[in-house]
Amino acid sequence: MEYLFLIILLVFMIGMMFFQTRKAKQQQEERKNFWSNLAPGTEIVTIGGLIGKVVEVDEQYEEIVLDSEGTLLRFTFRAISREYVRPAYVSDDDVDENGNPIDHSANQQEAQPQQIETTVEETVTETDADNQAPMPKQ
């Protein structure tokens, strides 16, 4: 009975090791494909969070030159984290309070000046001279 438990535990551990190494190999293959497909003009992010555009790729020494706002920096391939994708920006003027997009073409039609007529009614009340409180009219 003791051997059965040990055998099950051993098979479980071997299975876990197999699946972990398989996943690690897939990730390594994806990284190598990403590094080999790097070309000048690609925007990337380093592991330190630096965002830059690829200027030169040296596959022999596995180095890459980045341009980050006019500064040229040299990194190894291993320092590259991922390709940079600029997040979408939506201005607060383009959405309503619930986050739904506003139709600007409808707003432009409504923006044309319109004449609005208003009437003002005058009301007169008498005031008590001592208390300065309004008295009802009789």
Protein backbone atom coordinates (compact mmCIF):
# COMPACT_ATOMS: atom_id res chain seq x y z
CA MET A 1 0.00 0.00 0.00
CA GLU A 2 2.87 2.37 0.77
CA TYR A 3 4.41 1.71 -2.62
CA LEU A 4 1.16 2.55 -4.43
CA PHE A 5 1.07 6.02 -2.85
CA LEU A 6 4.73 6.62 -3.76
CA ILE A 7 4.17 5.48 -7.35
CA ILE A 8 1.16 7.80 -7.76
CA LEU A 9 3.13 10.69 -6.27
CA LEU A 10 6.11 9.97 -8.55
CA VAL A 11 3.90 9.79 -11.70
CA PHE A 12 2.21 13.07 -10.71
CA MET A 13 5.58 14.82 -10.24
CA ILE A 14 6.92 13.55 -13.56
CA GLY A 15 3.74 14.73 -15.31
CA MET A 16 4.05 18.20 -13.79
CA MET A 17 7.70 18.45 -14.83
CA PHE A 18 6.83 17.36 -18.38
CA PHE A 19 4.10 20.00 -18.79
CA GLN A 20 6.27 22.77 -17.31
CA THR A 21 9.20 22.05 -19.61
CA ARG A 22 6.86 21.87 -22.60
CA LYS A 23 5.38 25.29 -21.78
CA ALA A 24 8.86 26.77 -21.23
CA LYS A 25 10.01 25.48 -24.63
CA GLN A 26 6.98 27.05 -26.33
CA GLN A 27 7.67 30.41 -24.68
CA GLN A 28 11.34 30.23 -25.66
CA GLU A 29 10.40 29.45 -29.26
CA GLU A 30 7.98 32.41 -29.34
CA ARG A 31 10.71 34.70 -27.97
CA LYS A 32 13.22 33.54 -30.60
CA ASN A 33 10.67 34.12 -33.36
CA PHE A 34 9.97 37.62 -31.99
CA TRP A 35 13.69 38.46 -31.87
CA SER A 36 14.30 37.16 -35.40
CA ASN A 37 11.37 39.19 -36.77
CA LEU A 38 12.54 42.49 -35.25
CA ALA A 39 13.04 45.10 -37.95
CA PRO A 40 13.94 48.79 -37.93
CA GLY A 41 10.90 50.91 -37.17
CA THR A 42 9.29 48.48 -34.72
CA GLU A 43 8.38 50.02 -31.36
CA ILE A 44 9.28 47.84 -28.38
CA VAL A 45 9.37 47.89 -24.57
CA THR A 46 12.42 46.73 -22.62
CA ILE A 47 12.25 44.76 -19.38
CA GLY A 48 13.05 48.04 -17.59
CA GLY A 49 10.01 49.77 -19.14
CA LEU A 50 11.89 51.87 -21.72
CA ILE A 51 9.89 52.46 -24.89
CA GLY A 52 11.83 52.94 -28.10
CA LYS A 53 11.94 52.39 -31.84
CA VAL A 54 14.31 49.82 -33.33
CA VAL A 55 17.07 51.47 -35.38
CA GLU A 56 19.45 48.56 -35.97
CA VAL A 57 19.42 44.80 -35.33
CA ASP A 58 22.70 42.86 -35.01
CA GLU A 59 21.80 39.16 -35.01
CA GLN A 60 25.42 38.01 -34.88
CA TYR A 61 25.97 39.54 -31.42
CA GLU A 62 22.28 39.47 -30.48
CA GLU A 63 22.18 43.22 -29.93
CA ILE A 64 19.67 45.87 -30.85
CA VAL A 65 19.90 49.68 -31.08
CA LEU A 66 16.88 51.67 -29.92
CA ASP A 67 15.96 55.30 -30.48
CA SER A 68 14.14 56.69 -27.45
CA GLU A 69 13.26 60.37 -28.04
CA GLY A 70 16.53 61.09 -29.85
CA THR A 71 18.78 58.99 -27.60
CA LEU A 72 20.36 55.90 -29.13
CA LEU A 73 20.68 52.97 -26.73
CA ARG A 74 22.17 49.50 -27.27
CA PHE A 75 20.55 46.46 -25.64
CA THR A 76 20.83 42.68 -25.89
CA PHE A 77 17.89 40.71 -27.24
CA ARG A 78 17.19 39.38 -23.76
CA ALA A 79 16.42 42.92 -22.56
CA ILE A 80 13.46 43.18 -24.96
CA SER A 81 10.16 42.45 -23.25
CA ARG A 82 7.54 42.85 -25.96
CA GLU A 83 6.34 44.92 -28.89
CA TYR A 84 4.84 48.24 -27.86
CA VAL A 85 1.20 48.83 -28.74
CA ARG A 86 0.01 52.33 -27.91
CA PRO A 87 -3.23 52.14 -25.90
CA ALA A 88 -6.30 53.78 -27.39
CA TYR A 89 -7.02 57.24 -26.00
CA VAL A 90 -10.54 58.60 -25.80
CA SER A 91 -11.04 62.20 -24.76
CA ASP A 92 -13.65 63.01 -22.12
CA ASP A 93 -15.28 65.32 -24.68
CA ASP A 94 -16.01 62.34 -26.94
CA VAL A 95 -18.02 60.28 -24.41
CA ASP A 96 -20.98 60.94 -22.13
CA GLU A 97 -21.06 60.37 -18.36
CA ASN A 98 -21.67 56.63 -18.90
CA GLY A 99 -18.75 56.18 -21.30
CA ASN A 100 -20.90 55.92 -24.43
CA PRO A 101 -19.61 57.69 -27.57
CA ILE A 102 -21.24 61.01 -28.45
CA ASP A 103 -22.52 61.55 -32.00
CA HIS A 104 -20.87 64.85 -33.00
CA SER A 105 -22.81 65.16 -36.28
CA ALA A 106 -26.08 65.50 -34.34
CA ASN A 107 -24.50 68.13 -32.06
CA GLN A 108 -23.42 70.25 -35.02
CA GLN A 109 -26.98 70.40 -36.34
CA GLU A 110 -28.27 71.41 -32.91
CA ALA A 111 -25.56 74.04 -32.53
CA GLN A 112 -27.21 76.39 -35.04
CA PRO A 113 -28.64 79.43 -33.25
CA GLN A 114 -32.37 79.42 -32.65
CA GLN A 115 -34.56 82.26 -31.42
CA ILE A 116 -36.27 81.58 -28.14
CA GLU A 117 -39.10 83.83 -26.94
CA THR A 118 -39.70 84.20 -23.24
CA THR A 119 -42.32 86.15 -21.31
CA VAL A 120 -41.75 87.73 -17.94
CA GLU A 121 -44.60 88.38 -15.52
CA GLU A 122 -44.37 91.05 -12.86
CA THR A 123 -45.80 90.48 -9.43
CA VAL A 124 -46.23 93.23 -6.89
CA THR A 125 -46.50 92.60 -3.18
CA GLU A 126 -47.14 95.08 -0.42
CA THR A 127 -44.79 95.02 2.55
CA ASP A 128 -45.47 95.81 6.16
CA ALA A 129 -43.32 98.81 7.06
CA ASP A 130 -42.42 97.50 10.54
CA ASN A 131 -41.58 93.88 9.81
CA GLN A 132 -40.54 94.17 6.17
CA ALA A 133 -42.56 91.02 5.53
CA PRO A 134 -44.85 90.76 2.51
CA MET A 135 -48.52 91.24 3.26
CA PRO A 136 -51.18 89.45 1.26
CA LYS A 137 -53.14 91.58 -1.18
CA GLN A 138 -56.82 92.13 -0.36
